[in-house]
Amino acid sequence: MKKFALYFDKDKEMEWLNKMAQEGYAMVDFFAGLYTFEPCEKGEWQYQIDIGNGFFGVKKEYSDFMSEMGIEVVKCWGPWVILRRKAQEGRFELFSDVDSQIEQYKKILILFKVVTGVELLALIYEIYAGFSGVTLAWPIAFIIAAFAFVLFNVIIRTKNILAELRERKGEAKDLGRTKNVSPAVSAGLLLNAVHLLAADHIPMPFRIVLLVISLGLISYGAIDTANRKNRADHN
């Protein structure tokens, strides 16, 4: 069975994989958002996701160590390593103490900051190309901007998790939580990219409708983000 999904949050992805395993489908492969599942006994496997010590692969010491623990390396994709272990072996946790969790989320934060930096450089380049007369650059810029906001939200969530872990450890107290940017902003930017890409293929009335909806989503997202921040500041 094939399923397509895009996850920027490794915790949500892990929850989904474990839910699928509980329903009797074990994830066995992954490529560019396309997951491959095979039938298994319900709840037979438990999944975890780690940051490996390579890129699109792990070192032999890593895989040997996991094998000794009864853990199977299912797939490596970029820096992420999808692992699984038989549920009968007991609860599967990679990081059970606060210190190790903090270190893992620090790595995740650095990773997404680097990726976001690359995205922003690409966005600047596309904007420059757009002003230089490259028509295709503008829809690409809107697509990059949409994904940049998604990455911003991942960074914000990771920072909030780190703050909670540090509070649990007693390193800090009463830290404010940064609010995510509304997903409506990214949706509006993507829709505007579609509007630009389809400009020569759809009638003008439909183009106007797409433009109005995209601008409405961006405006709603900006207002919603500001309102949530104001509510958080007053609490």
C-alpha atoms as a PDB file:
ATOM      1  CA  MET A   1       0.000   0.000   0.000  1.00  0.00           C
ATOM      2  CA  LYS A   2       1.239   3.479  -0.896  1.00  0.00           C
ATOM      3  CA  LYS A   3       0.377   6.675   0.949  1.00  0.00           C
ATOM      4  CA  PHE A   4       1.566  10.214   0.223  1.00  0.00           C
ATOM      5  CA  ALA A   5       2.166  12.617   3.101  1.00  0.00           C
ATOM      6  CA  LEU A   6       4.459  15.528   3.844  1.00  0.00           C
ATOM      7  CA  TYR A   7       5.634  15.915   7.417  1.00  0.00           C
ATOM      8  CA  PHE A   8       7.909  18.665   8.674  1.00  0.00           C
ATOM      9  CA  ASP A   9       7.269  17.621  12.275  1.00  0.00           C
ATOM     10  CA  LYS A  10       9.035  14.368  13.157  1.00  0.00           C
ATOM     11  CA  ASP A  11       6.847  13.855  16.241  1.00  0.00           C
ATOM     12  CA  LYS A  12       3.634  13.971  14.197  1.00  0.00           C
ATOM     13  CA  GLU A  13       5.172  11.718  11.559  1.00  0.00           C
ATOM     14  CA  MET A  14       6.159   9.221  14.251  1.00  0.00           C
ATOM     15  CA  GLU A  15       2.653   9.283  15.730  1.00  0.00           C
ATOM     16  CA  TRP A  16       1.189   8.612  12.276  1.00  0.00           C
ATOM     17  CA  LEU A  17       3.539   5.681  11.584  1.00  0.00           C
ATOM     18  CA  ASN A  18       2.680   4.123  14.945  1.00  0.00           C
ATOM     19  CA  LYS A  19      -1.039   4.657  14.289  1.00  0.00           C
ATOM     20  CA  MET A  20      -0.689   2.887  10.934  1.00  0.00           C
ATOM     21  CA  ALA A  21       1.132   0.005  12.681  1.00  0.00           C
ATOM     22  CA  GLN A  22      -1.691  -0.228  15.222  1.00  0.00           C
ATOM     23  CA  GLU A  23      -4.087  -0.585  12.286  1.00  0.00           C
ATOM     24  CA  GLY A  24      -1.996  -3.396  10.788  1.00  0.00           C
ATOM     25  CA  TYR A  25       0.233  -1.579   8.294  1.00  0.00           C
ATOM     26  CA  ALA A  26       4.012  -1.495   8.744  1.00  0.00           C
ATOM     27  CA  MET A  27       6.007   1.201   6.961  1.00  0.00           C
ATOM     28  CA  VAL A  28       8.851  -0.393   4.964  1.00  0.00           C
ATOM     29  CA  ASP A  29      10.014   2.308   2.545  1.00  0.00           C
ATOM     30  CA  PHE A  30       9.886   6.036   1.844  1.00  0.00           C
ATOM     31  CA  PHE A  31      10.770   8.315  -1.047  1.00  0.00           C
ATOM     32  CA  ALA A  32       9.974  12.027  -1.432  1.00  0.00           C
ATOM     33  CA  GLY A  33       6.751  11.931   0.573  1.00  0.00           C
ATOM     34  CA  LEU A  34       5.602   8.517  -0.692  1.00  0.00           C
ATOM     35  CA  TYR A  35       5.367   5.901   2.059  1.00  0.00           C
ATOM     36  CA  THR A  36       5.178   2.172   1.362  1.00  0.00           C
ATOM     37  CA  PHE A  37       3.323  -0.031   3.862  1.00  0.00           C
ATOM     38  CA  GLU A  38       3.017  -3.787   4.147  1.00  0.00           C
ATOM     39  CA  PRO A  39       0.389  -5.713   6.136  1.00  0.00           C
ATOM     40  CA  CYS A  40       1.442  -6.761   9.629  1.00  0.00           C
ATOM     41  CA  GLU A  41      -0.195  -7.880  12.836  1.00  0.00           C
ATOM     42  CA  LYS A  42      -1.955  -4.990  14.515  1.00  0.00           C
ATOM     43  CA  GLY A  43       0.474  -3.292  16.881  1.00  0.00           C
ATOM     44  CA  GLU A  44       3.342  -5.545  15.832  1.00  0.00           C
ATOM     45  CA  TRP A  45       5.827  -2.679  15.376  1.00  0.00           C
ATOM     46  CA  GLN A  46       6.734   0.559  17.141  1.00  0.00           C
ATOM     47  CA  TYR A  47       8.448   3.365  15.242  1.00  0.00           C
ATOM     48  CA  GLN A  48      10.843   6.114  16.251  1.00  0.00           C
ATOM     49  CA  ILE A  49      12.602   8.812  14.221  1.00  0.00           C
ATOM     50  CA  ASP A  50      16.147   9.913  14.917  1.00  0.00           C
ATOM     51  CA  ILE A  51      18.696  12.300  13.428  1.00  0.00           C
ATOM     52  CA  GLY A  52      21.457  10.172  11.954  1.00  0.00           C
ATOM     53  CA  ASN A  53      25.193  10.733  11.729  1.00  0.00           C
ATOM     54  CA  GLY A  54      25.168  10.945   7.938  1.00  0.00           C
ATOM     55  CA  PHE A  55      23.064  12.239   5.068  1.00  0.00           C
ATOM     56  CA  PHE A  56      20.828   9.709   3.303  1.00  0.00           C
ATOM     57  CA  GLY A  57      22.623   7.027   5.280  1.00  0.00           C
ATOM     58  CA  VAL A  58      24.096   6.074   8.652  1.00  0.00           C
ATOM     59  CA  LYS A  59      27.512   4.865   9.706  1.00  0.00           C
ATOM     60  CA  LYS A  60      28.080   1.176  10.339  1.00  0.00           C
ATOM     61  CA  GLU A  61      28.638   1.788  14.057  1.00  0.00           C
ATOM     62  CA  TYR A  62      25.177   3.363  14.275  1.00  0.00           C
ATOM     63  CA  SER A  63      23.387   0.522  12.470  1.00  0.00           C
ATOM     64  CA  ASP A  64      25.363  -2.111  14.418  1.00  0.00           C
ATOM     65  CA  PHE A  65      24.457  -0.468  17.725  1.00  0.00           C
ATOM     66  CA  MET A  66      20.771  -0.313  16.778  1.00  0.00           C
ATOM     67  CA  SER A  67      20.849  -3.952  15.657  1.00  0.00           C
ATOM     68  CA  GLU A  68      22.280  -4.997  19.033  1.00  0.00           C
ATOM     69  CA  MET A  69      19.320  -3.260  20.668  1.00  0.00           C
ATOM     70  CA  GLY A  70      16.874  -5.167  18.464  1.00  0.00           C
ATOM     71  CA  ILE A  71      16.145  -2.022  16.443  1.00  0.00           C
ATOM     72  CA  GLU A  72      15.821  -2.071  12.645  1.00  0.00           C
ATOM     73  CA  VAL A  73      16.883   0.864  10.478  1.00  0.00           C
ATOM     74  CA  VAL A  74      13.944   1.051   8.055  1.00  0.00           C
ATOM     75  CA  LYS A  75      14.882   4.066   5.953  1.00  0.00           C
ATOM     76  CA  CYS A  76      17.260   7.010   5.877  1.00  0.00           C
ATOM     77  CA  TRP A  77      16.048  10.191   4.203  1.00  0.00           C
ATOM     78  CA  GLY A  78      18.237  13.248   4.441  1.00  0.00           C
ATOM     79  CA  PRO A  79      19.305  13.508   8.094  1.00  0.00           C
ATOM     80  CA  TRP A  80      16.251  11.571   9.325  1.00  0.00           C
ATOM     81  CA  VAL A  81      16.430   7.893  10.237  1.00  0.00           C
ATOM     82  CA  ILE A  82      13.202   5.909  10.587  1.00  0.00           C
ATOM     83  CA  LEU A  83      13.593   3.062  13.061  1.00  0.00           C
ATOM     84  CA  ARG A  84      11.325   0.306  14.272  1.00  0.00           C
ATOM     85  CA  ARG A  85      11.302  -2.442  16.879  1.00  0.00           C
ATOM     86  CA  LYS A  86       8.942  -5.259  17.711  1.00  0.00           C
ATOM     87  CA  ALA A  87       6.319  -4.085  20.199  1.00  0.00           C
ATOM     88  CA  GLN A  88       6.748  -7.281  22.215  1.00  0.00           C
ATOM     89  CA  GLU A  89      10.200  -5.995  23.223  1.00  0.00           C
ATOM     90  CA  GLY A  90       8.513  -3.336  25.355  1.00  0.00           C
ATOM     91  CA  ARG A  91       8.089   0.397  25.043  1.00  0.00           C
ATOM     92  CA  PHE A  92      10.349   1.807  22.321  1.00  0.00           C
ATOM     93  CA  GLU A  93      11.984   5.086  23.375  1.00  0.00           C
ATOM     94  CA  LEU A  94      15.212   6.538  22.054  1.00  0.00           C
ATOM     95  CA  PHE A  95      15.425   9.415  24.512  1.00  0.00           C
ATOM     96  CA  SER A  96      13.890   8.754  27.901  1.00  0.00           C
ATOM     97  CA  ASP A  97      15.653  11.443  29.956  1.00  0.00           C
ATOM     98  CA  VAL A  98      15.263  15.204  29.659  1.00  0.00           C
ATOM     99  CA  ASP A  99      18.933  15.902  28.879  1.00  0.00           C
ATOM    100  CA  SER A 100      18.993  13.604  25.847  1.00  0.00           C
ATOM    101  CA  GLN A 101      15.687  15.040  24.619  1.00  0.00           C
ATOM    102  CA  ILE A 102      17.096  18.557  24.890  1.00  0.00           C
ATOM    103  CA  GLU A 103      20.169  17.558  22.878  1.00  0.00           C
ATOM    104  CA  GLN A 104      18.028  15.956  20.178  1.00  0.00           C
ATOM    105  CA  TYR A 105      15.778  18.994  19.792  1.00  0.00           C
ATOM    106  CA  LYS A 106      18.835  21.252  19.704  1.00  0.00           C
ATOM    107  CA  LYS A 107      20.041  19.270  16.681  1.00  0.00           C
ATOM    108  CA  ILE A 108      16.607  19.523  15.086  1.00  0.00           C
ATOM    109  CA  LEU A 109      16.557  23.286  15.677  1.00  0.00           C
ATOM    110  CA  ILE A 110      19.981  23.749  14.054  1.00  0.00           C
ATOM    111  CA  LEU A 111      18.925  21.579  11.107  1.00  0.00           C
ATOM    112  CA  PHE A 112      15.786  23.577  10.372  1.00  0.00           C
ATOM    113  CA  LYS A 113      17.555  26.897  10.858  1.00  0.00           C
ATOM    114  CA  VAL A 114      20.087  25.883   8.206  1.00  0.00           C
ATOM    115  CA  VAL A 115      17.341  24.716   5.810  1.00  0.00           C
ATOM    116  CA  THR A 116      15.357  27.926   6.397  1.00  0.00           C
ATOM    117  CA  GLY A 117      18.481  29.993   5.721  1.00  0.00           C
ATOM    118  CA  VAL A 118      18.931  28.216   2.387  1.00  0.00           C
ATOM    119  CA  GLU A 119      15.238  28.798   1.595  1.00  0.00           C
ATOM    120  CA  LEU A 120      15.575  32.515   2.313  1.00  0.00           C
ATOM    121  CA  LEU A 121      18.643  32.795   0.070  1.00  0.00           C
ATOM    122  CA  ALA A 122      16.700  31.056  -2.712  1.00  0.00           C
ATOM    123  CA  LEU A 123      13.773  33.430  -2.118  1.00  0.00           C
ATOM    124  CA  ILE A 124      16.020  36.477  -2.438  1.00  0.00           C
ATOM    125  CA  TYR A 125      17.454  35.082  -5.678  1.00  0.00           C
ATOM    126  CA  GLU A 126      13.988  34.444  -7.152  1.00  0.00           C
ATOM    127  CA  ILE A 127      12.782  37.932  -6.195  1.00  0.00           C
ATOM    128  CA  TYR A 128      15.853  39.415  -7.871  1.00  0.00           C
ATOM    129  CA  ALA A 129      15.176  37.279 -10.958  1.00  0.00           C
ATOM    130  CA  GLY A 130      11.550  38.422 -10.950  1.00  0.00           C
ATOM    131  CA  PHE A 131      12.524  42.082 -10.936  1.00  0.00           C
ATOM    132  CA  SER A 132      15.007  41.275 -13.714  1.00  0.00           C
ATOM    133  CA  GLY A 133      12.174  40.146 -15.943  1.00  0.00           C
ATOM    134  CA  VAL A 134      12.117  36.386 -15.404  1.00  0.00           C
ATOM    135  CA  THR A 135       8.367  35.732 -15.334  1.00  0.00           C
ATOM    136  CA  LEU A 136       8.568  32.248 -13.858  1.00  0.00           C
ATOM    137  CA  ALA A 137      10.572  33.555 -10.907  1.00  0.00           C
ATOM    138  CA  TRP A 138       7.532  35.106  -9.193  1.00  0.00           C
ATOM    139  CA  PRO A 139       5.433  31.939  -8.770  1.00  0.00           C
ATOM    140  CA  ILE A 140       8.569  30.098  -7.635  1.00  0.00           C
ATOM    141  CA  ALA A 141       9.196  32.878  -5.112  1.00  0.00           C
ATOM    142  CA  PHE A 142       5.666  32.508  -3.718  1.00  0.00           C
ATOM    143  CA  ILE A 143       6.121  28.722  -3.411  1.00  0.00           C
ATOM    144  CA  ILE A 144       9.448  29.164  -1.601  1.00  0.00           C
ATOM    145  CA  ALA A 145       7.899  31.778   0.697  1.00  0.00           C
ATOM    146  CA  ALA A 146       5.031  29.402   1.532  1.00  0.00           C
ATOM    147  CA  PHE A 147       7.440  26.641   2.539  1.00  0.00           C
ATOM    148  CA  ALA A 148       9.577  29.144   4.446  1.00  0.00           C
ATOM    149  CA  PHE A 149       6.573  29.945   6.661  1.00  0.00           C
ATOM    150  CA  VAL A 150       6.077  26.214   7.239  1.00  0.00           C
ATOM    151  CA  LEU A 151       9.722  25.964   8.315  1.00  0.00           C
ATOM    152  CA  PHE A 152       9.312  29.026  10.571  1.00  0.00           C
ATOM    153  CA  ASN A 153       6.501  27.178  12.339  1.00  0.00           C
ATOM    154  CA  VAL A 154       8.672  24.097  12.790  1.00  0.00           C
ATOM    155  CA  ILE A 155      11.407  26.275  14.310  1.00  0.00           C
ATOM    156  CA  ILE A 156       8.887  27.950  16.620  1.00  0.00           C
ATOM    157  CA  ARG A 157       7.461  24.604  17.727  1.00  0.00           C
ATOM    158  CA  THR A 158      10.947  23.198  18.349  1.00  0.00           C
ATOM    159  CA  LYS A 159      11.906  26.248  20.419  1.00  0.00           C
ATOM    160  CA  ASN A 160       8.725  25.865  22.472  1.00  0.00           C
ATOM    161  CA  ILE A 161       9.464  22.187  23.095  1.00  0.00           C
ATOM    162  CA  LEU A 162      12.989  23.083  24.203  1.00  0.00           C
ATOM    163  CA  ALA A 163      11.585  25.719  26.556  1.00  0.00           C
ATOM    164  CA  GLU A 164       9.219  23.158  28.090  1.00  0.00           C
ATOM    165  CA  LEU A 165      12.030  20.627  28.535  1.00  0.00           C
ATOM    166  CA  ARG A 166      14.260  23.227  30.168  1.00  0.00           C
ATOM    167  CA  GLU A 167      11.434  24.165  32.518  1.00  0.00           C
ATOM    168  CA  ARG A 168      11.061  20.493  33.461  1.00  0.00           C
ATOM    169  CA  LYS A 169      14.783  20.367  34.167  1.00  0.00           C
ATOM    170  CA  GLY A 170      14.526  23.509  36.283  1.00  0.00           C
ATOM    171  CA  GLU A 171      16.733  25.660  34.049  1.00  0.00           C
ATOM    172  CA  ALA A 172      14.033  28.262  33.386  1.00  0.00           C
ATOM    173  CA  LYS A 173      10.532  29.124  34.533  1.00  0.00           C
ATOM    174  CA  ASP A 174       7.498  30.895  33.092  1.00  0.00           C
ATOM    175  CA  LEU A 175       8.935  31.222  29.609  1.00  0.00           C
ATOM    176  CA  GLY A 176       6.539  32.710  27.065  1.00  0.00           C
ATOM    177  CA  ARG A 177       5.557  30.594  24.101  1.00  0.00           C
ATOM    178  CA  THR A 178       5.939  31.972  20.602  1.00  0.00           C
ATOM    179  CA  LYS A 179       2.808  31.475  18.492  1.00  0.00           C
ATOM    180  CA  ASN A 180       2.911  29.852  15.087  1.00  0.00           C
ATOM    181  CA  VAL A 181       2.156  31.721  11.888  1.00  0.00           C
ATOM    182  CA  SER A 182      -1.330  30.787  10.668  1.00  0.00           C
ATOM    183  CA  PRO A 183      -1.222  28.085   7.952  1.00  0.00           C
ATOM    184  CA  ALA A 184      -3.619  30.269   5.974  1.00  0.00           C
ATOM    185  CA  VAL A 185      -0.630  32.456   5.020  1.00  0.00           C
ATOM    186  CA  SER A 186       1.185  29.549   3.350  1.00  0.00           C
ATOM    187  CA  ALA A 187      -2.050  28.397   1.690  1.00  0.00           C
ATOM    188  CA  GLY A 188      -2.608  31.876   0.261  1.00  0.00           C
ATOM    189  CA  LEU A 189       0.954  32.126  -1.053  1.00  0.00           C
ATOM    190  CA  LEU A 190       0.676  28.707  -2.744  1.00  0.00           C
ATOM    191  CA  LEU A 191      -2.676  29.623  -4.291  1.00  0.00           C
ATOM    192  CA  ASN A 192      -1.197  32.851  -5.616  1.00  0.00           C
ATOM    193  CA  ALA A 193       1.630  30.813  -7.194  1.00  0.00           C
ATOM    194  CA  VAL A 194      -1.009  28.630  -8.893  1.00  0.00           C
ATOM    195  CA  HIS A 195      -2.765  31.778 -10.095  1.00  0.00           C
ATOM    196  CA  LEU A 196       0.443  33.036 -11.708  1.00  0.00           C
ATOM    197  CA  LEU A 197       1.420  29.683 -13.218  1.00  0.00           C
ATOM    198  CA  ALA A 198      -2.034  29.179 -14.735  1.00  0.00           C
ATOM    199  CA  ALA A 199      -2.362  32.750 -15.994  1.00  0.00           C
ATOM    200  CA  ASP A 200      -2.161  31.752 -19.679  1.00  0.00           C
ATOM    201  CA  HIS A 201      -4.424  28.736 -19.354  1.00  0.00           C
ATOM    202  CA  ILE A 202      -7.535  29.896 -17.484  1.00  0.00           C
ATOM    203  CA  PRO A 203     -10.093  32.650 -18.239  1.00  0.00           C
ATOM    204  CA  MET A 204      -9.692  36.032 -16.583  1.00  0.00           C
ATOM    205  CA  PRO A 205     -12.746  35.649 -14.262  1.00  0.00           C
ATOM    206  CA  PHE A 206     -11.220  32.500 -12.730  1.00  0.00           C
ATOM    207  CA  ARG A 207      -7.860  34.249 -12.373  1.00  0.00           C
ATOM    208  CA  ILE A 208      -9.554  37.073 -10.473  1.00  0.00           C
ATOM    209  CA  VAL A 209     -11.322  34.574  -8.200  1.00  0.00           C
ATOM    210  CA  LEU A 210      -8.028  32.795  -7.441  1.00  0.00           C
ATOM    211  CA  LEU A 211      -6.298  36.093  -6.752  1.00  0.00           C
ATOM    212  CA  VAL A 212      -9.056  37.293  -4.414  1.00  0.00           C
ATOM    213  CA  ILE A 213      -9.092  34.002  -2.504  1.00  0.00           C
ATOM    214  CA  SER A 214      -5.293  33.941  -2.176  1.00  0.00           C
ATOM    215  CA  LEU A 215      -5.161  37.535  -0.926  1.00  0.00           C
ATOM    216  CA  GLY A 216      -8.039  36.788   1.447  1.00  0.00           C
ATOM    217  CA  LEU A 217      -6.195  33.791   2.897  1.00  0.00           C
ATOM    218  CA  ILE A 218      -2.990  35.783   3.360  1.00  0.00           C
ATOM    219  CA  SER A 219      -4.889  38.636   5.030  1.00  0.00           C
ATOM    220  CA  TYR A 220      -6.864  36.286   7.272  1.00  0.00           C
ATOM    221  CA  GLY A 221      -3.681  34.423   8.207  1.00  0.00           C
ATOM    222  CA  ALA A 222      -1.863  37.637   9.115  1.00  0.00           C
ATOM    223  CA  ILE A 223      -4.786  38.878  11.241  1.00  0.00           C
ATOM    224  CA  ASP A 224      -5.251  35.489  12.915  1.00  0.00           C
ATOM    225  CA  THR A 225      -1.532  35.297  13.752  1.00  0.00           C
ATOM    226  CA  ALA A 226      -1.580  38.801  15.243  1.00  0.00           C
ATOM    227  CA  ASN A 227      -4.736  38.055  17.274  1.00  0.00           C
ATOM    228  CA  ARG A 228      -3.297  34.850  18.705  1.00  0.00           C
ATOM    229  CA  LYS A 229      -0.116  36.670  19.673  1.00  0.00           C
ATOM    230  CA  ASN A 230      -2.123  39.452  21.373  1.00  0.00           C
ATOM    231  CA  ARG A 231      -4.204  36.900  23.295  1.00  0.00           C
ATOM    232  CA  ALA A 232      -1.039  35.133  24.417  1.00  0.00           C
ATOM    233  CA  ASP A 233       0.524  38.423  25.555  1.00  0.00           C
ATOM    234  CA  HIS A 234      -2.543  39.245  27.675  1.00  0.00           C
ATOM    235  CA  ASN A 235      -2.666  35.820  29.358  1.00  0.00           C
END
